[in-house]
């Protein structure tokens, strides 16, 4: 679900969404009027060094003809190591 909100720090408006797959969680914010893509605080080229990965990450923006219309901030989280260890212990016992 996409929702429009105001950032408490800057007052700037943005759209945000959250996606989950297996143990990964991705959070994305789209700020109007920009063309920068930031992944985990790094530029797209630094975070995804291979061109095929960059193309795959930009595909939703290309399909919707939104590339260059938004500044994109993506944050990807994985489960903490302690959670993974606890899950493995459950399987062993």
Protein backbone atom coordinates (compact mmCIF):
# COMPACT_ATOMS: atom_id res chain seq x y z
CA UNK A 1 0.00 0.00 0.00
CA UNK A 2 1.32 3.42 -0.94
CA UNK A 3 0.54 6.38 1.27
CA UNK A 4 1.36 10.05 1.09
CA UNK A 5 2.83 11.57 4.23
CA UNK A 6 4.87 14.48 5.49
CA UNK A 7 8.35 14.01 6.88
CA UNK A 8 8.49 15.32 10.46
CA UNK A 9 12.12 16.44 10.05
CA UNK A 10 11.90 18.40 6.81
CA UNK A 11 8.20 18.85 6.18
CA UNK A 12 8.81 17.48 2.67
CA UNK A 13 6.06 15.29 1.18
CA UNK A 14 6.81 11.76 -0.01
CA UNK A 15 5.28 8.42 -0.94
CA UNK A 16 6.37 5.31 0.90
CA UNK A 17 5.97 1.57 0.72
CA UNK A 18 7.23 -1.56 2.45
CA UNK A 19 7.90 -4.95 0.92
CA UNK A 20 8.80 -8.28 2.50
CA UNK A 21 10.32 -11.45 1.07
CA UNK A 22 11.62 -14.33 3.19
CA UNK A 23 13.72 -12.64 5.89
CA UNK A 24 14.31 -9.34 4.04
CA UNK A 25 12.31 -6.16 4.48
CA UNK A 26 12.61 -3.25 2.04
CA UNK A 27 11.39 0.27 2.77
CA UNK A 28 11.15 2.79 -0.07
CA UNK A 29 10.44 6.52 -0.07
CA UNK A 30 9.73 8.47 -3.27
CA UNK A 31 10.29 12.22 -3.09
CA UNK A 32 8.81 14.23 -6.00
CA UNK A 33 11.01 16.41 -8.20
CA UNK A 34 14.32 14.58 -8.20
CA UNK A 35 16.31 11.98 -10.05
CA UNK A 36 18.65 10.50 -7.41
CA UNK A 37 18.49 6.82 -6.34
CA UNK A 38 19.94 5.97 -2.91
CA UNK A 39 20.20 2.39 -1.58
CA UNK A 40 21.15 1.95 2.10
CA UNK A 41 22.72 5.42 2.15
CA UNK A 42 24.86 4.83 -0.97
CA UNK A 43 24.39 5.77 -4.60
CA UNK A 44 22.86 3.16 -6.91
CA UNK A 45 26.22 2.57 -8.61
CA UNK A 46 27.97 1.94 -5.27
CA UNK A 47 25.26 -0.27 -3.79
CA UNK A 48 24.64 -2.31 -6.97
CA UNK A 49 27.90 -2.41 -8.94
CA UNK A 50 26.70 -4.59 -11.83
CA UNK A 51 24.66 -3.06 -14.64
CA UNK A 52 22.14 -5.94 -14.64
CA UNK A 53 21.40 -5.32 -10.94
CA UNK A 54 20.98 -1.59 -11.56
CA UNK A 55 18.63 -2.24 -14.49
CA UNK A 56 16.57 -4.65 -12.40
CA UNK A 57 16.30 -2.13 -9.55
CA UNK A 58 15.17 0.64 -11.92
CA UNK A 59 12.71 -1.50 -13.89
CA UNK A 60 9.56 -0.44 -11.93
CA UNK A 61 10.42 3.21 -12.58
CA UNK A 62 11.04 2.54 -16.27
CA UNK A 63 7.77 0.61 -16.73
CA UNK A 64 5.73 3.36 -15.07
CA UNK A 65 7.67 6.10 -16.91
CA UNK A 66 8.66 7.61 -13.53
CA UNK A 67 12.46 7.51 -13.89
CA UNK A 68 13.82 11.01 -13.34
CA UNK A 69 10.60 12.24 -11.69
CA UNK A 70 11.38 11.05 -8.14
CA UNK A 71 14.28 10.89 -5.73
CA UNK A 72 14.26 7.30 -4.44
CA UNK A 73 15.55 6.26 -1.00
CA UNK A 74 15.56 2.50 -0.43
CA UNK A 75 16.50 0.82 2.83
CA UNK A 76 16.86 -2.95 3.02
CA UNK A 77 16.89 -4.74 6.39
CA UNK A 78 17.53 -8.38 7.14
CA UNK A 79 16.77 -10.30 10.28
CA UNK A 80 19.31 -9.87 13.01
CA UNK A 81 21.85 -12.63 13.49
CA UNK A 82 20.42 -13.43 16.93
CA UNK A 83 17.01 -14.14 15.38
CA UNK A 84 18.56 -16.49 12.82
CA UNK A 85 20.47 -18.37 15.52
CA UNK A 86 17.29 -18.76 17.61
CA UNK A 87 15.43 -20.15 14.58
CA UNK A 88 18.20 -22.67 13.91
CA UNK A 89 18.17 -23.77 17.55
CA UNK A 90 14.44 -24.49 17.27
CA UNK A 91 15.08 -26.75 14.27
CA UNK A 92 17.87 -28.66 16.05
CA UNK A 93 15.87 -29.32 19.23
